[in-house]
């Protein structure tokens, strides 16, 4: 099957001659070819967004909101179609794909409240016969560069808010998983969104660099690895754009001696191996405090050994990795962990089948200088690091160059309060292993997990996609006629 771009409300064939293969990760079979846009093709999508912006900006909030509600209803009714596409291209199990769509839907629902979220302020008679009001206005065409691991949810962190606020959008999805973005584009058209407000351009670095340099793009939202996030931030801001670039992670789960170890083991497995570990919020390191490590490791290993890895459409617990290259990368890290001296408790290599499978993998006695600890593996590899005290656990987590998500398992309220105060991480879970906030709160990390000042969705997302303007008004007033070169004063 040959896929297309989506520009100005219609499918547009690629003309660059370059394409990438889309594979079914469970079988290894090539299922589609996606065009890789040239700079000119990417520019055409940006031009379409620019042409659509004035009319969409001037569309009433009431009309915009009706379209958002229509999109919400269509997405809710047909969410199973989108989940099927996600599983076919990414590999995650259907229940996980459905959960991804549901979390994206929450942001759509949040954006339906845009009339309230864009409320300004007004002061009557701030000075004699002078009124002052503040308003927020859209930026113009904005770009979203999204990763492979959440083909629907991550774009939906951004575009519902951007569109509801009056912007137009160019979405560049991962070329590994383009189907979800193209499906969403068609759903927007069905909901009544005007042509050109939402565009999809498939591509690689050429498309990204065009977006980052093009003067027509006013802001860029990105999610991906830390090196690319830094590049996107530095390049985009150098071209005068507003940028939020969410980078990589190495998320820790700290387990205190008073914790419910069965609960902790359940959640370590869920957060470490869900979606085959291909989540920026996955737990990849469990930090055991005190003398609980042996018992907790045994509980995790017992649970991990029972997980079924296979085709995500066939009722298994965990699906494949997204590509053959990802599979080889993860198995390379497992070999490196063994060579470095970590204890391999559960080995996920060597599964049968033509798909890109790696089963749950558990290492114990991991040192902080090992690559399986320092690097974001992005696979189902869970490391156990043992420390003696709470203070050592805090020091270890805060020493990480990443600050995306962290979890603490304990029954001690005082320890929990101290933890969320002292930890240098943007999203914290207390007995919650994957602390992804609700849509009305912001999503984003600290340190090398975020480049830029603004997190995704919530009111921070509204502010990212709008800019403030203050209007000071005085109608004809004879007492203020005449020449006066002094600075205006209130009174």
Protein backbone atom coordinates (compact mmCIF):
# COMPACT_ATOMS: atom_id res chain seq x y z
CA UNK A 1 0.00 0.00 0.00
CA UNK A 2 1.25 3.47 -0.88
CA UNK A 3 0.48 6.17 1.68
CA UNK A 4 0.25 9.92 1.05
CA UNK A 5 0.62 13.28 2.73
CA UNK A 6 -2.46 15.24 3.83
CA UNK A 7 -2.36 18.85 2.68
CA UNK A 8 -5.21 21.38 2.49
CA UNK A 9 -7.87 18.79 3.20
CA UNK A 10 -6.83 16.14 0.69
CA UNK A 11 -4.48 13.19 0.26
CA UNK A 12 -1.44 14.30 -1.72
CA UNK A 13 0.95 11.73 -3.26
CA UNK A 14 4.63 12.13 -2.54
CA UNK A 15 6.72 13.44 -5.41
CA UNK A 16 10.23 13.34 -3.97
CA UNK A 17 10.79 9.72 -4.98
CA UNK A 18 12.01 8.83 -1.50
CA UNK A 19 10.00 6.57 0.78
CA UNK A 20 10.25 4.46 3.92
CA UNK A 21 8.82 1.03 4.64
CA UNK A 22 6.10 0.60 7.25
CA UNK A 23 6.29 -2.82 8.87
CA UNK A 24 4.05 -5.00 10.99
CA UNK A 25 6.29 -5.54 14.04
CA UNK A 26 4.58 -8.81 14.94
CA UNK A 27 5.38 -10.46 11.61
CA UNK A 28 8.22 -8.40 10.16
CA UNK A 29 6.27 -7.94 6.94
CA UNK A 30 6.28 -4.66 5.03
CA UNK A 31 2.68 -3.42 4.94
CA UNK A 32 2.99 0.03 3.34
CA UNK A 33 5.33 2.59 1.85
CA UNK A 34 5.26 6.14 3.17
CA UNK A 35 6.64 9.06 1.14
CA UNK A 36 9.45 11.14 2.62
CA UNK A 37 8.75 14.76 1.84
CA UNK A 38 11.20 17.06 0.17
CA UNK A 39 11.71 20.61 1.38
CA UNK A 40 9.30 21.79 -1.32
CA UNK A 41 6.58 19.34 -0.28
CA UNK A 42 7.00 20.32 3.37
CA UNK A 43 6.81 23.94 2.33
CA UNK A 44 3.54 23.25 0.52
CA UNK A 45 2.00 21.94 3.76
CA UNK A 46 3.23 25.03 5.61
CA UNK A 47 1.82 27.27 2.88
CA UNK A 48 -1.55 25.51 3.21
CA UNK A 49 -1.55 26.11 6.95
CA UNK A 50 -0.61 29.76 6.42
CA UNK A 51 -3.38 30.26 3.87
CA UNK A 52 -5.96 28.74 6.21
CA UNK A 53 -4.87 30.70 9.27
CA UNK A 54 -6.59 34.10 8.81
CA UNK A 55 -10.05 32.60 8.36
CA UNK A 56 -9.59 30.08 11.19
CA UNK A 57 -8.24 32.75 13.53
CA UNK A 58 -11.34 34.84 12.82
CA UNK A 59 -13.73 31.92 13.26
CA UNK A 60 -15.74 32.41 16.43
CA UNK A 61 -14.89 30.44 19.52
CA UNK A 62 -18.42 29.06 19.44
CA UNK A 63 -17.89 27.65 15.94
CA UNK A 64 -14.42 26.30 16.76
CA UNK A 65 -15.78 24.60 19.86
CA UNK A 66 -18.60 22.93 17.93
CA UNK A 67 -16.02 21.41 15.58
CA UNK A 68 -13.96 20.23 18.55
CA UNK A 69 -17.04 18.59 20.06
CA UNK A 70 -17.83 16.91 16.74
CA UNK A 71 -14.28 15.60 16.52
CA UNK A 72 -14.54 14.34 20.09
CA UNK A 73 -17.74 12.43 19.34
CA UNK A 74 -16.33 10.86 16.19
CA UNK A 75 -13.10 9.86 17.93
CA UNK A 76 -14.96 8.36 20.87
CA UNK A 77 -17.25 6.35 18.62
CA UNK A 78 -14.50 5.05 16.36
CA UNK A 79 -11.60 4.77 18.78
CA UNK A 80 -11.30 1.04 18.07
CA UNK A 81 -10.34 1.82 14.46
CA UNK A 82 -7.47 4.01 15.63
CA UNK A 83 -6.34 1.42 18.18
CA UNK A 84 -6.20 -1.20 15.41
CA UNK A 85 -3.95 1.06 13.31
CA UNK A 86 -1.64 1.72 16.26
CA UNK A 87 -1.23 -1.98 17.05
CA UNK A 88 -0.63 -2.88 13.40
CA UNK A 89 2.16 -0.31 13.00
CA UNK A 90 3.66 0.01 16.48
CA UNK A 91 3.02 -3.45 17.91
CA UNK A 92 1.62 -2.60 21.34
CA UNK A 93 -1.26 -4.77 22.48
CA UNK A 94 -4.77 -3.63 21.59
CA UNK A 95 -5.75 -2.78 25.16
CA UNK A 96 -2.68 -0.56 25.46
CA UNK A 97 -3.45 1.11 22.14
CA UNK A 98 -7.02 1.73 23.30
CA UNK A 99 -5.65 3.29 26.47
CA UNK A 100 -3.43 5.57 24.40
CA UNK A 101 -6.43 6.80 22.42
CA UNK A 102 -8.41 7.35 25.62
CA UNK A 103 -5.67 9.53 27.11
CA UNK A 104 -5.47 11.55 23.92
CA UNK A 105 -9.23 11.96 23.99
CA UNK A 106 -8.90 13.60 27.41
CA UNK A 107 -6.92 16.43 25.82
CA UNK A 108 -9.58 16.87 23.13
CA UNK A 109 -12.16 17.17 25.90
CA UNK A 110 -9.98 19.71 27.71
CA UNK A 111 -9.67 21.74 24.50
CA UNK A 112 -13.47 21.80 24.20
CA UNK A 113 -13.33 24.24 27.10
CA UNK A 114 -11.28 26.75 25.13
CA UNK A 115 -13.84 29.59 25.43
CA UNK A 116 -13.19 29.59 29.16
CA UNK A 117 -9.47 28.92 28.85
CA UNK A 118 -9.02 32.00 26.61
CA UNK A 119 -10.82 34.33 28.98
CA UNK A 120 -9.00 37.63 29.27
CA UNK A 121 -9.22 40.30 31.94
CA UNK A 122 -10.60 43.83 31.86
CA UNK A 123 -10.30 46.87 34.09
CA UNK A 124 -12.89 49.64 33.78
CA UNK A 125 -11.67 53.19 34.35
CA UNK A 126 -8.08 52.18 35.07
CA UNK A 127 -7.27 55.85 34.50
CA UNK A 128 -9.76 58.63 33.91
CA UNK A 129 -12.07 57.38 31.16
CA UNK A 130 -9.46 54.76 30.20
CA UNK A 131 -10.25 51.04 30.07
CA UNK A 132 -7.64 48.28 29.87
CA UNK A 133 -8.19 44.71 28.67
CA UNK A 134 -5.91 41.72 28.12
CA UNK A 135 -6.55 39.13 25.43
CA UNK A 136 -4.77 36.05 24.12
CA UNK A 137 -4.44 35.45 20.41
CA UNK A 138 -3.22 32.49 18.32
CA UNK A 139 0.32 32.41 16.94
CA UNK A 140 -0.35 31.22 13.38
CA UNK A 141 0.83 27.99 11.72
CA UNK A 142 2.50 25.68 14.25
CA UNK A 143 4.35 22.40 13.79
CA UNK A 144 4.22 19.15 15.75
CA UNK A 145 6.99 16.56 15.40
CA UNK A 146 5.86 13.37 17.11
CA UNK A 147 7.58 10.06 17.99
CA UNK A 148 6.77 6.47 17.06
CA UNK A 149 5.84 5.19 20.51
CA UNK A 150 2.53 7.06 20.86
CA UNK A 151 1.30 7.71 17.31
CA UNK A 152 -2.03 9.14 18.51
CA UNK A 153 -1.66 10.32 22.10
CA UNK A 154 1.43 12.50 21.70
CA UNK A 155 0.08 14.48 18.72
CA UNK A 156 -3.16 14.86 20.67
CA UNK A 157 -1.23 16.42 23.55
CA UNK A 158 -0.77 19.36 21.20
CA UNK A 159 -3.06 19.76 18.19
CA UNK A 160 -6.47 19.92 19.94
CA UNK A 161 -5.27 22.87 22.02
CA UNK A 162 -3.48 24.54 19.11
CA UNK A 163 -6.53 24.24 16.84
CA UNK A 164 -9.07 25.26 19.47
CA UNK A 165 -6.98 28.35 20.23
CA UNK A 166 -7.14 29.40 16.57
CA UNK A 167 -3.86 28.14 15.15
CA UNK A 168 -3.31 25.94 12.11
CA UNK A 169 -1.17 22.81 12.29
CA UNK A 170 1.46 20.90 10.33
CA UNK A 171 2.01 17.47 11.89
CA UNK A 172 5.14 15.49 11.03
CA UNK A 173 4.59 11.99 12.49
CA UNK A 174 7.24 9.32 12.76
CA UNK A 175 7.71 7.66 9.40
CA UNK A 176 7.60 4.32 11.25
CA UNK A 177 3.94 4.81 12.25
CA UNK A 178 2.21 7.24 9.86
CA UNK A 179 -1.22 5.64 9.75
CA UNK A 180 -2.67 7.17 12.91
CA UNK A 181 -1.91 10.75 11.84
CA UNK A 182 -3.50 10.25 8.43
CA UNK A 183 -6.58 8.66 10.00
CA UNK A 184 -6.92 11.61 12.38
CA UNK A 185 -6.66 14.04 9.46
CA UNK A 186 -9.63 12.40 7.77
CA UNK A 187 -11.56 12.46 11.03
CA UNK A 188 -10.98 16.22 11.31
CA UNK A 189 -12.42 16.70 7.83
CA UNK A 190 -15.47 14.65 8.80
CA UNK A 191 -15.88 16.81 11.91
CA UNK A 192 -16.07 19.92 9.73
CA UNK A 193 -12.60 21.38 10.16
CA UNK A 194 -11.80 23.73 7.26
CA UNK A 195 -9.20 22.59 4.74
CA UNK A 196 -5.64 23.53 5.61
CA UNK A 197 -6.15 23.87 9.36
CA UNK A 198 -4.71 20.38 9.97
CA UNK A 199 -2.02 19.02 7.63
CA UNK A 200 0.16 15.91 7.78
CA UNK A 201 3.52 15.76 6.05
CA UNK A 202 5.46 12.50 6.25
CA UNK A 203 9.22 12.68 6.19
CA UNK A 204 12.60 12.41 7.83
CA UNK A 205 15.30 14.96 8.73
CA UNK A 206 14.68 16.94 5.55
CA UNK A 207 11.09 17.63 6.60
CA UNK A 208 12.13 18.41 10.17
CA UNK A 209 14.84 20.86 9.11
CA UNK A 210 12.44 22.58 6.74
CA UNK A 211 9.91 23.04 9.54
CA UNK A 212 12.56 24.38 11.91
CA UNK A 213 13.85 26.98 9.44
CA UNK A 214 10.68 27.99 7.59
CA UNK A 215 9.52 31.52 8.54
CA UNK A 216 5.90 30.47 8.18
CA UNK A 217 6.05 28.22 11.26
CA UNK A 218 5.65 30.18 14.50
CA UNK A 219 6.06 27.42 17.09
CA UNK A 220 7.28 23.84 17.27
CA UNK A 221 6.26 21.05 19.65
CA UNK A 222 8.52 17.99 19.70
CA UNK A 223 8.75 14.70 21.59
CA UNK A 224 11.67 12.32 21.10
CA UNK A 225 15.17 11.51 22.27
CA UNK A 226 17.28 14.02 24.19
CA UNK A 227 19.89 14.63 21.45
CA UNK A 228 17.20 15.38 18.88
CA UNK A 229 15.17 17.44 21.36
CA UNK A 230 18.24 19.60 21.99
CA UNK A 231 18.79 19.97 18.24
CA UNK A 232 15.15 20.91 17.63
CA UNK A 233 15.21 23.46 20.44
CA UNK A 234 18.48 25.08 19.42
CA UNK A 235 17.64 25.16 15.71
CA UNK A 236 14.05 26.29 16.14
CA UNK A 237 14.84 29.06 18.59
CA UNK A 238 17.73 30.23 16.42
CA UNK A 239 15.11 30.83 13.72
CA UNK A 240 12.94 32.83 16.10
CA UNK A 241 10.37 30.17 16.91
CA UNK A 242 8.72 29.29 20.18
CA UNK A 243 9.80 25.70 20.97
CA UNK A 244 8.84 23.02 23.49
CA UNK A 245 11.05 19.96 22.99
CA UNK A 246 10.44 17.00 25.29
CA UNK A 247 13.43 14.68 25.43
CA UNK A 248 14.42 11.30 26.83
CA UNK A 249 14.11 9.74 30.23
CA UNK A 250 15.54 7.29 32.72
CA UNK A 251 12.71 6.91 35.18
CA UNK A 252 13.31 5.49 38.65
CA UNK A 253 10.94 3.77 41.05
CA UNK A 254 12.10 4.00 44.66
CA UNK A 255 10.76 1.32 47.00
CA UNK A 256 11.04 1.97 50.75
CA UNK A 257 11.16 -0.87 53.31
CA UNK A 258 7.61 -0.18 54.53
CA UNK A 259 6.07 -0.49 51.06
CA UNK A 260 3.59 -3.19 50.07
CA UNK A 261 6.04 -5.35 48.10
CA UNK A 262 3.34 -7.21 46.18
CA UNK A 263 1.91 -3.90 45.00
CA UNK A 264 5.40 -2.63 44.18
CA UNK A 265 6.22 -5.78 42.20
CA UNK A 266 2.97 -5.61 40.25
CA UNK A 267 3.53 -1.98 39.35
CA UNK A 268 7.22 -2.42 38.49
CA UNK A 269 6.20 -5.09 35.97
CA UNK A 270 3.36 -2.98 34.59
CA UNK A 271 5.47 0.16 34.26
CA UNK A 272 8.65 -1.57 33.12
CA UNK A 273 7.24 -3.93 30.51
CA UNK A 274 4.04 -2.27 29.34
CA UNK A 275 4.25 -1.36 25.64
CA UNK A 276 7.50 -3.38 25.58
CA UNK A 277 9.15 -0.56 27.53
CA UNK A 278 8.70 1.87 24.63
CA UNK A 279 7.33 4.67 26.78
CA UNK A 280 9.03 7.88 27.81
CA UNK A 281 7.33 7.33 31.18
CA UNK A 282 8.38 3.68 31.53
CA UNK A 283 10.09 2.65 34.75
CA UNK A 284 13.51 1.34 33.82
CA UNK A 285 15.22 1.40 37.24
CA UNK A 286 13.88 0.09 40.54
CA UNK A 287 15.81 1.46 43.52
CA UNK A 288 15.43 -0.79 46.54
CA UNK A 289 16.10 0.78 49.95
CA UNK A 290 17.32 -1.34 52.84
CA UNK A 291 17.02 -5.11 53.01
CA UNK A 292 13.99 -5.67 50.76
CA UNK A 293 15.87 -6.25 47.49
CA UNK A 294 16.01 -10.06 47.48
CA UNK A 295 12.29 -10.44 48.20
CA UNK A 296 11.25 -7.76 45.72
CA UNK A 297 13.49 -9.13 42.94
CA UNK A 298 11.98 -12.59 43.42
CA UNK A 299 8.44 -11.19 43.21
CA UNK A 300 9.21 -9.21 40.04
CA UNK A 301 10.97 -12.17 38.41
CA UNK A 302 8.05 -14.50 39.16
CA UNK A 303 5.60 -12.09 37.57
CA UNK A 304 7.80 -11.29 34.57
CA UNK A 305 8.29 -14.97 33.76
CA UNK A 306 4.52 -15.41 33.36
CA UNK A 307 4.06 -12.63 30.81
CA UNK A 308 3.12 -13.70 27.28
CA UNK A 309 4.97 -11.88 24.50
CA UNK A 310 3.56 -12.00 20.98
CA UNK A 311 1.24 -10.44 18.42
CA UNK A 312 -0.59 -7.59 20.14
CA UNK A 313 -3.84 -8.54 18.35
CA UNK A 314 -3.93 -12.05 19.80
CA UNK A 315 -4.50 -11.51 23.50
CA UNK A 316 -0.90 -11.54 24.73
CA UNK A 317 0.48 -9.33 27.51
CA UNK A 318 3.28 -7.63 25.63
CA UNK A 319 3.86 -6.97 21.95
CA UNK A 320 7.01 -6.64 19.85
CA UNK A 321 9.37 -3.70 19.51
CA UNK A 322 8.65 -1.33 16.67
CA UNK A 323 11.43 -2.31 14.24
CA UNK A 324 14.18 -4.83 13.69
CA UNK A 325 16.72 -2.12 14.51
CA UNK A 326 15.01 -1.51 17.85
CA UNK A 327 15.11 -5.24 18.61
CA UNK A 328 18.82 -5.40 17.85
CA UNK A 329 19.51 -2.30 19.92
CA UNK A 330 17.75 -3.71 22.99
CA UNK A 331 19.38 -7.15 22.76
CA UNK A 332 22.72 -5.37 22.43
CA UNK A 333 22.11 -3.62 25.74
CA UNK A 334 21.20 -6.93 27.38
CA UNK A 335 24.51 -8.40 26.22
CA UNK A 336 26.35 -5.31 27.47
CA UNK A 337 24.70 -5.64 30.89
CA UNK A 338 25.85 -9.24 31.18
CA UNK A 339 29.37 -8.30 30.12
CA UNK A 340 29.48 -5.47 32.67
CA UNK A 341 28.71 -7.90 35.50
CA UNK A 342 25.04 -7.29 36.26
CA UNK A 343 23.06 -10.36 37.33
CA UNK A 344 20.67 -11.38 34.54
CA UNK A 345 17.65 -12.71 36.43
CA UNK A 346 15.19 -12.92 33.52
CA UNK A 347 16.43 -13.04 29.91
CA UNK A 348 14.01 -11.89 27.23
CA UNK A 349 16.11 -12.85 24.22
CA UNK A 350 15.60 -15.74 21.85
CA UNK A 351 11.84 -15.69 21.44
CA UNK A 352 10.44 -17.55 18.45
CA UNK A 353 8.80 -15.88 15.49
CA UNK A 354 9.59 -13.47 12.70
CA UNK A 355 8.43 -10.43 14.65
CA UNK A 356 10.65 -8.02 16.54
CA UNK A 357 10.21 -9.68 19.91
CA UNK A 358 12.18 -9.19 23.12
CA UNK A 359 10.59 -10.56 26.27
CA UNK A 360 10.69 -9.06 29.77
CA UNK A 361 14.27 -8.78 30.99
CA UNK A 362 15.37 -8.21 34.59
CA UNK A 363 18.84 -7.32 35.86
CA UNK A 364 19.89 -7.21 39.52
CA UNK A 365 22.96 -5.68 41.16
CA UNK A 366 23.19 -2.97 38.50
CA UNK A 367 25.87 -0.32 39.01
CA UNK A 368 25.37 3.30 38.01
CA UNK A 369 28.27 3.26 35.54
CA UNK A 370 26.79 0.44 33.44
CA UNK A 371 25.22 1.35 30.10
CA UNK A 372 21.99 -0.42 31.06
CA UNK A 373 21.69 2.18 33.83
CA UNK A 374 22.98 5.32 32.14
CA UNK A 375 21.30 4.96 28.73
CA UNK A 376 17.66 5.15 27.74
CA UNK A 377 17.22 1.63 26.36
CA UNK A 378 13.58 2.06 25.28
CA UNK A 379 12.81 -1.62 25.65
CA UNK A 380 11.56 -4.15 28.21
CA UNK A 381 14.70 -4.10 30.35
CA UNK A 382 14.31 -3.42 34.08
CA UNK A 383 17.32 -2.79 36.32
CA UNK A 384 17.51 -3.19 40.09
CA UNK A 385 19.84 -0.84 41.94
CA UNK A 386 20.32 -1.47 45.67
CA UNK A 387 20.95 1.30 48.21
CA UNK A 388 20.99 1.30 51.98
CA UNK A 389 19.16 4.52 52.83
CA UNK A 390 16.48 6.92 51.68
CA UNK A 391 19.07 9.69 51.36
CA UNK A 392 21.16 7.54 49.02
CA UNK A 393 18.08 6.91 46.88
CA UNK A 394 17.34 10.63 46.62
CA UNK A 395 20.95 11.38 45.74
CA UNK A 396 20.97 8.68 43.06
CA UNK A 397 17.79 9.89 41.36
CA UNK A 398 18.78 13.55 41.52
CA UNK A 399 22.19 12.77 40.01
CA UNK A 400 20.54 11.53 36.81
CA UNK A 401 20.80 13.92 33.86
CA UNK A 402 17.15 13.16 33.14
CA UNK A 403 14.16 14.39 35.12
CA UNK A 404 11.05 13.14 33.39
CA UNK A 405 9.15 10.85 35.78
CA UNK A 406 9.77 9.14 39.11
CA UNK A 407 7.76 7.01 41.52
CA UNK A 408 7.95 6.28 45.23
CA UNK A 409 6.32 3.27 46.88
CA UNK A 410 5.73 3.66 50.60
CA UNK A 411 3.04 3.73 53.28
CA UNK A 412 4.73 6.61 55.11
CA UNK A 413 3.05 9.94 54.37
CA UNK A 414 5.91 11.94 55.81
CA UNK A 415 8.45 10.17 53.62
CA UNK A 416 6.21 10.72 50.59
CA UNK A 417 5.89 14.43 51.28
CA UNK A 418 9.63 14.80 51.74
CA UNK A 419 10.21 12.84 48.53
CA UNK A 420 8.04 14.95 46.26
CA UNK A 421 9.59 18.07 47.78
CA UNK A 422 13.23 17.05 47.40
CA UNK A 423 13.18 15.11 44.13
CA UNK A 424 14.39 16.97 41.01
CA UNK A 425 11.93 15.47 38.55
CA UNK A 426 9.00 17.06 36.73
CA UNK A 427 6.36 14.35 37.27
CA UNK A 428 6.16 12.41 40.53
CA UNK A 429 4.03 9.40 41.44
CA UNK A 430 3.37 8.27 45.00
CA UNK A 431 2.38 4.61 44.73
CA UNK A 432 1.65 5.45 41.09
CA UNK A 433 4.29 4.00 38.75
CA UNK A 434 3.49 5.96 35.57
CA UNK A 435 2.56 9.48 36.77
CA UNK A 436 1.18 10.87 33.50
CA UNK A 437 -0.93 13.87 34.56
CA UNK A 438 -4.52 14.44 33.56
CA UNK A 439 -5.07 16.70 30.55
CA UNK A 440 -5.83 19.74 32.70
CA UNK A 441 -2.36 19.52 34.29
CA UNK A 442 0.87 19.96 32.38
CA UNK A 443 3.08 17.14 31.10
CA UNK A 444 6.83 17.66 31.10
CA UNK A 445 10.10 16.85 32.77
CA UNK A 446 13.13 18.70 34.07
CA UNK A 447 16.81 18.77 33.11
CA UNK A 448 17.63 16.91 29.89
CA UNK A 449 14.05 15.71 29.58
CA UNK A 450 12.77 19.12 28.48
CA UNK A 451 14.19 21.94 26.36
CA UNK A 452 12.09 25.06 26.61
CA UNK A 453 10.08 26.72 29.33
CA UNK A 454 6.63 25.30 28.67
CA UNK A 455 5.23 21.83 29.30
CA UNK A 456 2.62 20.08 27.17
CA UNK A 457 -1.17 20.36 27.52
CA UNK A 458 -3.03 21.88 30.44
CA UNK A 459 -3.05 25.65 30.81
CA UNK A 460 0.66 25.72 29.91
CA UNK A 461 -0.30 24.33 26.52
CA UNK A 462 -2.88 27.07 26.07
CA UNK A 463 -0.28 29.70 26.87
CA UNK A 464 2.25 28.08 24.53
CA UNK A 465 -0.11 28.31 21.57
CA UNK A 466 -1.26 31.87 22.28
CA UNK A 467 0.37 35.23 22.99
CA UNK A 468 -0.86 38.03 25.17
CA UNK A 469 -1.97 41.45 24.05
CA UNK A 470 -3.09 44.38 26.22
CA UNK A 471 -5.51 46.96 24.78
CA UNK A 472 -5.76 50.40 26.41
CA UNK A 473 -8.80 52.41 25.26
CA UNK A 474 -10.02 55.98 25.63
CA UNK A 475 -12.88 57.34 23.56
CA UNK A 476 -13.09 61.01 22.55
CA UNK A 477 -12.48 63.16 25.64
CA UNK A 478 -12.09 66.96 25.26
CA UNK A 479 -10.10 67.26 28.49
CA UNK A 480 -7.19 65.35 26.93
CA UNK A 481 -6.79 67.40 23.76
CA UNK A 482 -3.68 69.47 23.14
CA UNK A 483 0.04 68.82 22.86
CA UNK A 484 1.85 67.14 25.77
CA UNK A 485 5.14 65.37 25.10
CA UNK A 486 5.44 63.99 28.64
CA UNK A 487 5.11 60.27 29.32
CA UNK A 488 1.42 59.32 29.85
CA UNK A 489 0.49 59.19 33.52
CA UNK A 490 -2.45 57.59 35.22
CA UNK A 491 -4.85 59.70 37.13
